Amino acid sequence: MNKYILIAFAVMAMAFYELSGGADFEPGSNSLVIFAEPKPVQTESKPLAEVVARSETGSVGLTDVAPTRALIEPVVPIAEPVITPVALASDGDIQAQNSAPVAVQEAKVQETVPAPQPEPDFRFVEGDRVNLRGGPGTTYAVVGKLFRNDMVEILADEGNGWLHLRDTATGDEGWIADWLVTAAN
């Protein structure tokens, strides 16, 4: 096998020698051939327009200018007043008090304050692969899968060891054991 390799290299060396000119090869005096002389580039010096940002602030300093982005307070719905009618004096009372003018009581205005919405309870799945079930127990069918570090929103905690929750990524709802989740902190 080694003889075949040596013979193959000898044949390739001989072929290279013959293809590159063999004994008739004469190296040239200059291998760089220039076909055209390069022309120098003419640069014209034109005056450039002066670009300067200026501000007409008058007596106001630049630090006194209001920022371009301002924090916007969240919009809080205004509670609508509820009008409660008040019973007026009866006709018999009006006739008894002919000499005195009848005072009309104004309707009492009561404001109803909407009940504050509870903060959503977000938690993370602690198990590697957890079954999401159709009810609170292992006897219910599996309706989905949750994986480690999936964020879920707790919808109900009845204290029986099972949590009714919603997967925040897919919106799937179901039940899992409460020890399989941790607080989102």
N, C-alpha and C. Protein backbone atom coordinates (compact mmCIF):
# COMPACT_ATOMS: atom_id res chain seq x y z
N MET A 1 0.83 -1.19 0.00
CA MET A 1 0.00 0.00 0.00
C MET A 1 0.87 1.25 0.00
N ASN A 2 1.97 1.20 0.79
CA ASN A 2 2.87 2.35 0.84
C ASN A 2 3.51 2.60 -0.52
N LYS A 3 3.77 1.54 -1.29
CA LYS A 3 4.36 1.70 -2.62
C LYS A 3 3.41 2.45 -3.55
N TYR A 4 2.11 2.14 -3.43
CA TYR A 4 1.14 2.83 -4.30
C TYR A 4 1.05 4.32 -3.97
N ILE A 5 1.17 4.65 -2.71
CA ILE A 5 1.13 6.07 -2.32
C ILE A 5 2.35 6.79 -2.86
N LEU A 6 3.52 6.18 -2.74
CA LEU A 6 4.73 6.81 -3.26
C LEU A 6 4.67 6.96 -4.78
N ILE A 7 4.17 5.97 -5.45
CA ILE A 7 4.04 6.04 -6.92
C ILE A 7 3.04 7.13 -7.31
N ALA A 8 1.92 7.28 -6.55
CA ALA A 8 0.93 8.31 -6.87
C ALA A 8 1.51 9.71 -6.70
N PHE A 9 2.29 9.93 -5.63
CA PHE A 9 2.91 11.24 -5.44
C PHE A 9 3.95 11.53 -6.52
N ALA A 10 4.69 10.52 -6.93
CA ALA A 10 5.69 10.71 -8.00
C ALA A 10 5.02 11.09 -9.30
N VAL A 11 3.90 10.47 -9.62
CA VAL A 11 3.17 10.77 -10.85
C VAL A 11 2.62 12.20 -10.80
N MET A 12 2.08 12.59 -9.64
CA MET A 12 1.53 13.96 -9.51
C MET A 12 2.64 15.01 -9.62
N ALA A 13 3.80 14.74 -9.03
CA ALA A 13 4.92 15.69 -9.11
C ALA A 13 5.39 15.84 -10.55
N MET A 14 5.45 14.75 -11.28
CA MET A 14 5.88 14.78 -12.68
C MET A 14 4.86 15.55 -13.53
N ALA A 15 3.57 15.34 -13.26
CA ALA A 15 2.54 16.04 -14.02
C ALA A 15 2.60 17.54 -13.73
N PHE A 16 2.83 17.93 -12.49
CA PHE A 16 2.91 19.35 -12.14
C PHE A 16 4.12 19.99 -12.83
N TYR A 17 5.22 19.28 -12.85
CA TYR A 17 6.44 19.79 -13.49
C TYR A 17 6.22 20.02 -15.00
N GLU A 18 5.58 19.09 -15.65
CA GLU A 18 5.35 19.21 -17.08
C GLU A 18 4.31 20.28 -17.40
N LEU A 19 3.25 20.39 -16.59
CA LEU A 19 2.20 21.38 -16.85
C LEU A 19 2.66 22.81 -16.57
N SER A 20 3.65 22.99 -15.69
CA SER A 20 4.11 24.34 -15.39
C SER A 20 5.22 24.79 -16.35
N GLY A 21 5.51 24.06 -17.36
CA GLY A 21 6.48 24.50 -18.36
C GLY A 21 7.66 23.58 -18.49
N GLY A 22 7.91 22.75 -17.53
CA GLY A 22 8.99 21.77 -17.58
C GLY A 22 10.35 22.44 -17.70
N ALA A 23 11.22 21.89 -18.61
CA ALA A 23 12.57 22.41 -18.78
C ALA A 23 12.57 23.72 -19.53
N ASP A 24 11.48 24.05 -20.24
CA ASP A 24 11.41 25.29 -21.02
C ASP A 24 10.92 26.48 -20.18
N PHE A 25 10.68 26.28 -18.88
CA PHE A 25 10.12 27.34 -18.04
C PHE A 25 11.14 28.44 -17.83
N GLU A 26 10.73 29.68 -18.06
CA GLU A 26 11.56 30.85 -17.79
C GLU A 26 10.73 31.81 -16.95
N PRO A 27 11.21 32.12 -15.77
CA PRO A 27 10.45 33.06 -14.94
C PRO A 27 10.49 34.46 -15.55
N GLY A 28 9.35 35.18 -15.45
CA GLY A 28 9.27 36.53 -15.98
C GLY A 28 9.96 37.52 -15.06
N SER A 29 10.28 38.70 -15.64
CA SER A 29 10.97 39.71 -14.84
C SER A 29 9.97 40.45 -13.93
N ASN A 30 8.72 40.55 -14.37
CA ASN A 30 7.72 41.24 -13.56
C ASN A 30 6.40 40.48 -13.73
N SER A 31 5.88 39.99 -12.63
CA SER A 31 4.64 39.26 -12.73
C SER A 31 3.42 40.18 -12.63
N LEU A 32 3.63 41.46 -12.31
CA LEU A 32 2.53 42.41 -12.19
C LEU A 32 2.38 43.17 -13.49
N VAL A 33 1.25 43.03 -14.13
CA VAL A 33 1.00 43.70 -15.39
C VAL A 33 -0.02 44.80 -15.14
N ILE A 34 0.33 46.05 -15.49
CA ILE A 34 -0.56 47.18 -15.33
C ILE A 34 -1.06 47.56 -16.71
N PHE A 35 -2.38 47.51 -16.87
CA PHE A 35 -2.96 47.81 -18.17
C PHE A 35 -3.26 49.28 -18.34
N ALA A 36 -3.57 50.00 -17.26
CA ALA A 36 -3.91 51.41 -17.38
C ALA A 36 -3.35 52.14 -16.17
N GLU A 37 -2.98 53.39 -16.38
CA GLU A 37 -2.49 54.22 -15.29
C GLU A 37 -3.69 54.77 -14.51
N PRO A 38 -3.68 54.67 -13.19
CA PRO A 38 -4.80 55.23 -12.43
C PRO A 38 -4.77 56.75 -12.46
N LYS A 39 -5.95 57.34 -12.54
CA LYS A 39 -6.07 58.80 -12.54
C LYS A 39 -6.32 59.26 -11.10
N PRO A 40 -5.69 60.33 -10.72
CA PRO A 40 -5.95 60.84 -9.37
C PRO A 40 -7.36 61.42 -9.28
N VAL A 41 -7.97 61.26 -8.15
CA VAL A 41 -9.33 61.73 -7.93
C VAL A 41 -9.28 63.20 -7.54
N GLN A 42 -10.10 64.01 -8.23
CA GLN A 42 -10.17 65.43 -7.94
C GLN A 42 -11.20 65.65 -6.84
N THR A 43 -10.79 66.23 -5.74
CA THR A 43 -11.72 66.55 -4.67
C THR A 43 -11.93 68.05 -4.64
N GLU A 44 -13.18 68.43 -4.72
CA GLU A 44 -13.51 69.84 -4.65
C GLU A 44 -13.84 70.18 -3.20
N SER A 45 -13.31 71.26 -2.74
CA SER A 45 -13.59 71.65 -1.36
C SER A 45 -14.76 72.63 -1.37
N LYS A 46 -15.95 72.10 -1.08
CA LYS A 46 -17.15 72.92 -0.98
C LYS A 46 -17.38 73.22 0.49
N PRO A 47 -17.82 74.43 0.79
CA PRO A 47 -18.11 74.71 2.20
C PRO A 47 -19.37 73.94 2.63
N LEU A 48 -19.28 73.26 3.76
CA LEU A 48 -20.41 72.50 4.28
C LEU A 48 -21.30 73.41 5.11
N ALA A 49 -22.58 73.15 5.05
CA ALA A 49 -23.53 73.93 5.84
C ALA A 49 -23.30 73.62 7.31
N GLU A 50 -23.38 74.66 8.12
CA GLU A 50 -23.18 74.47 9.55
C GLU A 50 -24.47 73.93 10.17
N VAL A 51 -24.35 72.79 10.84
CA VAL A 51 -25.50 72.16 11.47
C VAL A 51 -25.34 72.33 12.97
N VAL A 52 -26.21 73.18 13.53
CA VAL A 52 -26.15 73.44 14.97
C VAL A 52 -27.58 73.42 15.49
N ALA A 53 -27.79 72.74 16.60
CA ALA A 53 -29.10 72.74 17.24
C ALA A 53 -29.14 73.89 18.24
N ARG A 54 -30.08 74.77 18.04
CA ARG A 54 -30.19 75.92 18.92
C ARG A 54 -31.58 75.98 19.52
N SER A 55 -31.66 76.60 20.66
CA SER A 55 -32.92 76.70 21.35
C SER A 55 -33.15 78.14 21.76
N GLU A 56 -34.33 78.63 21.42
CA GLU A 56 -34.74 79.97 21.85
C GLU A 56 -35.47 79.83 23.17
N THR A 57 -34.75 79.83 24.27
CA THR A 57 -35.38 79.62 25.56
C THR A 57 -35.57 80.91 26.33
N GLY A 58 -35.00 81.98 25.89
CA GLY A 58 -35.17 83.25 26.61
C GLY A 58 -34.48 83.17 27.96
N SER A 59 -35.23 83.43 29.01
CA SER A 59 -34.64 83.42 30.35
C SER A 59 -34.71 82.06 31.01
N VAL A 60 -35.33 81.09 30.32
CA VAL A 60 -35.49 79.76 30.88
C VAL A 60 -34.26 78.93 30.55
N GLY A 61 -33.67 78.29 31.56
CA GLY A 61 -32.52 77.44 31.33
C GLY A 61 -32.96 76.10 30.78
N LEU A 62 -32.01 75.37 30.19
CA LEU A 62 -32.35 74.09 29.61
C LEU A 62 -32.76 73.08 30.66
N THR A 63 -32.33 73.25 31.90
CA THR A 63 -32.72 72.31 32.96
C THR A 63 -34.14 72.58 33.44
N ASP A 64 -34.71 73.74 33.09
CA ASP A 64 -36.06 74.07 33.51
C ASP A 64 -37.12 73.58 32.54
N VAL A 65 -36.71 73.01 31.42
CA VAL A 65 -37.65 72.56 30.41
C VAL A 65 -38.27 71.25 30.88
N ALA A 66 -39.58 71.11 30.68
CA ALA A 66 -40.28 69.89 31.10
C ALA A 66 -39.83 68.71 30.26
N PRO A 67 -39.78 67.53 30.83
CA PRO A 67 -39.39 66.35 30.05
C PRO A 67 -40.42 66.05 28.98
N THR A 68 -39.97 65.37 27.92
CA THR A 68 -40.88 65.07 26.82
C THR A 68 -41.84 63.95 27.17
N ARG A 69 -41.44 63.07 28.07
CA ARG A 69 -42.32 61.99 28.50
C ARG A 69 -42.72 62.25 29.94
N ALA A 70 -43.99 62.24 30.17
CA ALA A 70 -44.50 62.47 31.52
C ALA A 70 -45.28 61.24 31.96
N LEU A 71 -45.24 60.99 33.25
CA LEU A 71 -46.01 59.87 33.78
C LEU A 71 -47.48 60.23 33.75
N ILE A 72 -48.28 59.29 33.32
CA ILE A 72 -49.72 59.50 33.25
C ILE A 72 -50.36 58.72 34.37
N GLU A 73 -51.17 59.42 35.16
CA GLU A 73 -51.87 58.76 36.25
C GLU A 73 -52.93 57.83 35.67
N PRO A 74 -53.14 56.67 36.28
CA PRO A 74 -54.17 55.76 35.77
C PRO A 74 -55.56 56.37 35.91
N VAL A 75 -56.41 56.06 34.97
CA VAL A 75 -57.77 56.59 34.97
C VAL A 75 -58.60 55.77 35.95
N VAL A 76 -59.20 56.46 36.90
CA VAL A 76 -60.04 55.79 37.89
C VAL A 76 -61.49 56.13 37.55
N PRO A 77 -62.34 55.13 37.42
CA PRO A 77 -63.74 55.43 37.06
C PRO A 77 -64.41 56.21 38.19
N ILE A 78 -65.17 57.21 37.80
CA ILE A 78 -65.88 58.03 38.76
C ILE A 78 -67.19 57.33 39.10
N ALA A 79 -67.44 57.22 40.41
CA ALA A 79 -68.67 56.56 40.85
C ALA A 79 -69.86 57.45 40.51
N GLU A 80 -70.88 56.85 39.91
CA GLU A 80 -72.07 57.61 39.55
C GLU A 80 -72.99 57.73 40.77
N PRO A 81 -73.58 58.90 40.96
CA PRO A 81 -74.47 59.06 42.12
C PRO A 81 -75.77 58.28 41.93
N VAL A 82 -76.29 57.79 43.03
CA VAL A 82 -77.55 57.07 43.02
C VAL A 82 -78.58 57.97 43.68
N ILE A 83 -79.67 58.20 43.00
CA ILE A 83 -80.71 59.09 43.53
C ILE A 83 -81.77 58.23 44.19
N THR A 84 -82.00 58.51 45.49
CA THR A 84 -82.99 57.77 46.25
C THR A 84 -84.17 58.70 46.52
N PRO A 85 -85.36 58.37 46.00
CA PRO A 85 -86.50 59.26 46.25
C PRO A 85 -86.92 59.20 47.72
N VAL A 86 -87.34 60.35 48.23
CA VAL A 86 -87.78 60.45 49.62
C VAL A 86 -89.28 60.72 49.59
N ALA A 87 -89.99 60.08 50.47
CA ALA A 87 -91.46 60.25 50.51
C ALA A 87 -91.80 61.68 50.93
N LEU A 88 -92.71 62.30 50.18
CA LEU A 88 -93.16 63.65 50.49
C LEU A 88 -94.35 63.58 51.45
N ALA A 89 -94.69 64.70 51.98
CA ALA A 89 -95.83 64.77 52.90
C ALA A 89 -97.11 64.38 52.17
N SER A 90 -98.01 63.70 52.83
CA SER A 90 -99.27 63.26 52.22
C SER A 90 -100.22 64.44 52.06
N ASP A 91 -101.30 64.25 51.26
CA ASP A 91 -102.26 65.32 51.01
C ASP A 91 -102.92 65.79 52.30
N GLY A 92 -103.16 64.86 53.23
CA GLY A 92 -103.79 65.23 54.50
C GLY A 92 -102.90 66.18 55.29
N ASP A 93 -101.60 65.95 55.26
CA ASP A 93 -100.66 66.83 55.98
C ASP A 93 -100.62 68.20 55.33
N ILE A 94 -100.75 68.25 54.01
CA ILE A 94 -100.69 69.53 53.31
C ILE A 94 -101.92 70.36 53.64
N GLN A 95 -103.09 69.72 53.69
CA GLN A 95 -104.32 70.46 53.99
C GLN A 95 -104.29 70.94 55.44
N ALA A 96 -103.71 70.21 56.35
CA ALA A 96 -103.64 70.61 57.75
C ALA A 96 -102.71 71.80 57.92
N GLN A 97 -101.75 71.95 57.04
CA GLN A 97 -100.80 73.04 57.18
C GLN A 97 -101.02 74.06 56.07
N ASN A 98 -102.27 74.50 55.84
CA ASN A 98 -102.57 75.45 54.77
C ASN A 98 -101.83 76.76 54.98
N SER A 99 -101.70 77.18 56.21
CA SER A 99 -101.07 78.46 56.45
C SER A 99 -99.56 78.41 56.25
N ALA A 100 -98.94 77.26 56.44
CA ALA A 100 -97.49 77.15 56.30
C ALA A 100 -97.16 76.60 54.92
N PRO A 101 -96.14 77.13 54.28
CA PRO A 101 -95.75 76.59 52.97
C PRO A 101 -95.19 75.17 53.11
N VAL A 102 -95.42 74.39 52.10
CA VAL A 102 -94.97 73.00 52.11
C VAL A 102 -93.49 72.97 51.70
N ALA A 103 -92.71 72.35 52.53
CA ALA A 103 -91.28 72.22 52.23
C ALA A 103 -91.06 70.90 51.49
N VAL A 104 -90.48 70.99 50.36
CA VAL A 104 -90.20 69.79 49.56
C VAL A 104 -88.78 69.36 49.88
N GLN A 105 -88.69 68.14 50.33
CA GLN A 105 -87.37 67.63 50.65
C GLN A 105 -86.67 67.20 49.36
N GLU A 106 -85.40 67.51 49.30
CA GLU A 106 -84.64 67.13 48.12
C GLU A 106 -84.26 65.66 48.21
N ALA A 107 -84.09 65.09 47.06
CA ALA A 107 -83.70 63.68 47.02
C ALA A 107 -82.28 63.54 47.56
N LYS A 108 -82.09 62.52 48.35
CA LYS A 108 -80.77 62.28 48.91
C LYS A 108 -79.90 61.65 47.82
N VAL A 109 -78.67 62.13 47.73
CA VAL A 109 -77.73 61.60 46.75
C VAL A 109 -76.71 60.76 47.49
N GLN A 110 -76.62 59.53 47.08
CA GLN A 110 -75.66 58.62 47.70
C GLN A 110 -74.66 58.18 46.64
N GLU A 111 -73.40 58.20 47.00
CA GLU A 111 -72.38 57.71 46.07
C GLU A 111 -72.11 56.25 46.37
N THR A 112 -72.06 55.49 45.32
CA THR A 112 -71.70 54.09 45.50
C THR A 112 -70.25 53.93 45.07
N VAL A 113 -69.47 53.37 45.93
CA VAL A 113 -68.06 53.14 45.62
C VAL A 113 -67.94 51.69 45.17
N PRO A 114 -67.37 51.50 43.97
CA PRO A 114 -67.24 50.12 43.50
C PRO A 114 -66.33 49.32 44.42
N ALA A 115 -66.68 48.07 44.60
CA ALA A 115 -65.88 47.20 45.46
C ALA A 115 -64.51 46.99 44.83
N PRO A 116 -63.44 47.11 45.60
CA PRO A 116 -62.11 46.93 45.01
C PRO A 116 -61.92 45.50 44.53
N GLN A 117 -61.33 45.40 43.36
CA GLN A 117 -61.06 44.08 42.79
C GLN A 117 -59.85 43.48 43.52
N PRO A 118 -59.91 42.21 43.89
CA PRO A 118 -58.76 41.60 44.56
C PRO A 118 -57.59 41.48 43.58
N GLU A 119 -56.40 41.59 44.12
CA GLU A 119 -55.20 41.45 43.30
C GLU A 119 -55.12 40.02 42.77
N PRO A 120 -54.75 39.84 41.50
CA PRO A 120 -54.63 38.47 40.99
C PRO A 120 -53.49 37.75 41.70
N ASP A 121 -53.69 36.47 41.96
CA ASP A 121 -52.70 35.64 42.66
C ASP A 121 -51.96 34.81 41.63
N PHE A 122 -50.71 35.22 41.31
CA PHE A 122 -49.90 34.51 40.32
C PHE A 122 -48.90 33.63 41.05
N ARG A 123 -48.71 32.42 40.55
CA ARG A 123 -47.74 31.49 41.12
C ARG A 123 -47.05 30.73 39.99
N PHE A 124 -45.95 30.05 40.36
CA PHE A 124 -45.19 29.27 39.40
C PHE A 124 -45.36 27.78 39.70
N VAL A 125 -45.37 26.98 38.63
CA VAL A 125 -45.46 25.53 38.77
C VAL A 125 -44.10 25.02 39.24
N GLU A 126 -44.10 24.18 40.24
CA GLU A 126 -42.88 23.66 40.84
C GLU A 126 -42.48 22.30 40.28
N GLY A 127 -43.42 21.51 39.81
CA GLY A 127 -43.11 20.17 39.28
C GLY A 127 -42.59 20.22 37.86
N ASP A 128 -41.86 19.17 37.45
CA ASP A 128 -41.33 19.13 36.09
C ASP A 128 -42.43 19.01 35.05
N ARG A 129 -43.40 18.14 35.29
CA ARG A 129 -44.52 17.95 34.37
C ARG A 129 -45.74 17.61 35.22
N VAL A 130 -46.73 18.51 35.22
CA VAL A 130 -47.86 18.40 36.12
C VAL A 130 -49.14 18.25 35.30
N ASN A 131 -50.02 17.35 35.74
CA ASN A 131 -51.31 17.17 35.07
C ASN A 131 -52.27 18.26 35.52
N LEU A 132 -52.94 18.88 34.56
CA LEU A 132 -54.00 19.85 34.82
C LEU A 132 -55.31 19.08 34.70
N ARG A 133 -56.06 19.00 35.79
CA ARG A 133 -57.24 18.13 35.83
C ARG A 133 -58.53 18.92 35.72
N GLY A 134 -59.61 18.22 35.37
CA GLY A 134 -60.92 18.83 35.20
C GLY A 134 -61.65 19.09 36.51
N GLY A 135 -61.14 18.65 37.62
CA GLY A 135 -61.77 18.85 38.92
C GLY A 135 -60.76 18.64 40.03
N PRO A 136 -61.18 18.88 41.28
CA PRO A 136 -60.26 18.78 42.42
C PRO A 136 -60.07 17.34 42.89
N GLY A 137 -59.25 16.59 42.20
CA GLY A 137 -58.95 15.23 42.60
C GLY A 137 -58.32 14.45 41.47
N THR A 138 -57.68 13.34 41.80
CA THR A 138 -57.03 12.53 40.78
C THR A 138 -58.01 11.68 40.00
N THR A 139 -59.26 11.63 40.44
CA THR A 139 -60.27 10.86 39.72
C THR A 139 -60.78 11.62 38.50
N TYR A 140 -60.51 12.94 38.41
CA TYR A 140 -60.96 13.74 37.27
C TYR A 140 -59.99 13.57 36.10
N ALA A 141 -60.50 13.77 34.90
CA ALA A 141 -59.72 13.59 33.68
C ALA A 141 -58.63 14.66 33.56
N VAL A 142 -57.54 14.30 32.91
CA VAL A 142 -56.45 15.24 32.64
C VAL A 142 -56.86 16.10 31.43
N VAL A 143 -56.87 17.42 31.63
CA VAL A 143 -57.28 18.32 30.54
C VAL A 143 -56.10 19.09 29.95
N GLY A 144 -54.91 18.95 30.55
CA GLY A 144 -53.75 19.64 30.02
C GLY A 144 -52.51 19.31 30.83
N LYS A 145 -51.39 19.87 30.41
CA LYS A 145 -50.11 19.66 31.10
C LYS A 145 -49.51 21.02 31.40
N LEU A 146 -48.83 21.11 32.54
CA LEU A 146 -48.07 22.29 32.92
C LEU A 146 -46.63 21.85 33.19
N PHE A 147 -45.68 22.73 32.95
CA PHE A 147 -44.28 22.40 33.12
C PHE A 147 -43.64 23.34 34.12
N ARG A 148 -42.45 22.98 34.59
CA ARG A 148 -41.74 23.77 35.60
C ARG A 148 -41.62 25.22 35.15
N ASN A 149 -41.87 26.14 36.08
CA ASN A 149 -41.77 27.59 35.91
C ASN A 149 -42.85 28.18 35.01
N ASP A 150 -43.91 27.43 34.68
CA ASP A 150 -45.06 28.02 34.00
C ASP A 150 -45.79 28.90 35.00
N MET A 151 -46.21 30.10 34.57
CA MET A 151 -46.93 30.99 35.47
C MET A 151 -48.42 30.70 35.36
N VAL A 152 -49.08 30.60 36.53
CA VAL A 152 -50.51 30.34 36.58
C VAL A 152 -51.18 31.37 37.48
N GLU A 153 -52.45 31.65 37.21
CA GLU A 153 -53.24 32.55 38.04
C GLU A 153 -54.21 31.72 38.85
N ILE A 154 -54.19 31.88 40.17
CA ILE A 154 -55.06 31.12 41.05
C ILE A 154 -56.45 31.75 41.02
N LEU A 155 -57.45 30.97 40.64
CA LEU A 155 -58.83 31.45 40.58
C LEU A 155 -59.57 31.16 41.88
N ALA A 156 -59.30 30.01 42.49
CA ALA A 156 -59.97 29.65 43.73
C ALA A 156 -59.09 28.70 44.53
N ASP A 157 -59.08 28.90 45.86
CA ASP A 157 -58.39 28.02 46.78
C ASP A 157 -59.39 27.69 47.88
N GLU A 158 -59.97 26.50 47.79
CA GLU A 158 -61.02 26.12 48.73
C GLU A 158 -60.46 25.49 50.00
N GLY A 159 -59.14 25.36 50.09
CA GLY A 159 -58.52 24.82 51.28
C GLY A 159 -58.55 23.31 51.37
N ASN A 160 -58.89 22.63 50.29
CA ASN A 160 -58.96 21.17 50.31
C ASN A 160 -57.72 20.53 49.67
N GLY A 161 -56.67 21.32 49.45
CA GLY A 161 -55.44 20.77 48.86
C GLY A 161 -55.39 20.89 47.35
N TRP A 162 -56.45 21.43 46.72
CA TRP A 162 -56.49 21.58 45.28
C TRP A 162 -56.76 23.05 44.93
N LEU A 163 -56.10 23.52 43.87
CA LEU A 163 -56.25 24.90 43.43
C LEU A 163 -56.91 24.93 42.07
N HIS A 164 -57.92 25.79 41.92
CA HIS A 164 -58.51 26.04 40.60
C HIS A 164 -57.69 27.17 40.00
N LEU A 165 -57.12 26.97 38.82
CA LEU A 165 -56.21 27.95 38.25
C LEU A 165 -56.35 28.05 36.75
N ARG A 166 -55.68 29.08 36.21
CA ARG A 166 -55.66 29.33 34.77
C ARG A 166 -54.21 29.50 34.35
N ASP A 167 -53.82 28.81 33.27
CA ASP A 167 -52.48 28.95 32.71
C ASP A 167 -52.42 30.30 32.01
N THR A 168 -51.46 31.16 32.38
CA THR A 168 -51.40 32.51 31.80
C THR A 168 -50.95 32.48 30.35
N ALA A 169 -50.24 31.46 29.93
CA ALA A 169 -49.77 31.40 28.54
C ALA A 169 -50.85 30.93 27.59
N THR A 170 -51.61 29.90 27.97
CA THR A 170 -52.59 29.32 27.05
C THR A 170 -54.03 29.65 27.41
N GLY A 171 -54.28 30.06 28.65
CA GLY A 171 -55.64 30.35 29.08
C GLY A 171 -56.41 29.12 29.52
N ASP A 172 -55.77 27.95 29.54
CA ASP A 172 -56.43 26.72 29.98
C ASP A 172 -56.72 26.80 31.47
N GLU A 173 -57.92 26.33 31.87
CA GLU A 173 -58.30 26.31 33.27
C GLU A 173 -58.40 24.87 33.74
N GLY A 174 -58.06 24.66 35.01
CA GLY A 174 -58.13 23.33 35.58
C GLY A 174 -57.72 23.34 37.03
N TRP A 175 -57.47 22.15 37.56
CA TRP A 175 -57.14 21.97 38.97
C TRP A 175 -55.82 21.24 39.09
N ILE A 176 -54.98 21.66 40.06
CA ILE A 176 -53.77 20.91 40.40
C ILE A 176 -53.64 20.95 41.92
N ALA A 177 -52.80 20.07 42.44
CA ALA A 177 -52.55 20.02 43.88
C ALA A 177 -51.80 21.27 44.30
N ASP A 178 -52.14 21.81 45.49
CA ASP A 178 -51.57 23.09 45.92
C ASP A 178 -50.08 23.01 46.22
N TRP A 179 -49.55 21.84 46.52
CA TRP A 179 -48.13 21.74 46.84
C TRP A 179 -47.25 21.76 45.58
N LEU A 180 -47.86 21.77 44.39
CA LEU A 180 -47.12 21.79 43.14
C LEU A 180 -46.85 23.19 42.60
N VAL A 181 -47.23 24.23 43.36
CA VAL A 181 -47.01 25.61 42.93
C VAL A 181 -46.31 26.37 44.04
N THR A 182 -45.58 27.43 43.66
CA THR A 182 -44.94 28.32 44.63
C THR A 182 -45.37 29.74 44.33
N ALA A 183 -45.22 30.62 45.32
CA ALA A 183 -45.61 32.02 45.15
C ALA A 183 -44.70 32.69 44.13
N ALA A 184 -45.28 33.65 43.38
CA ALA A 184 -44.54 34.33 42.31
C ALA A 184 -43.63 35.42 42.84
N ASN A 185 -43.86 35.91 44.04
CA ASN A 185 -43.08 37.00 44.66
C ASN A 185 -42.54 37.94 43.65
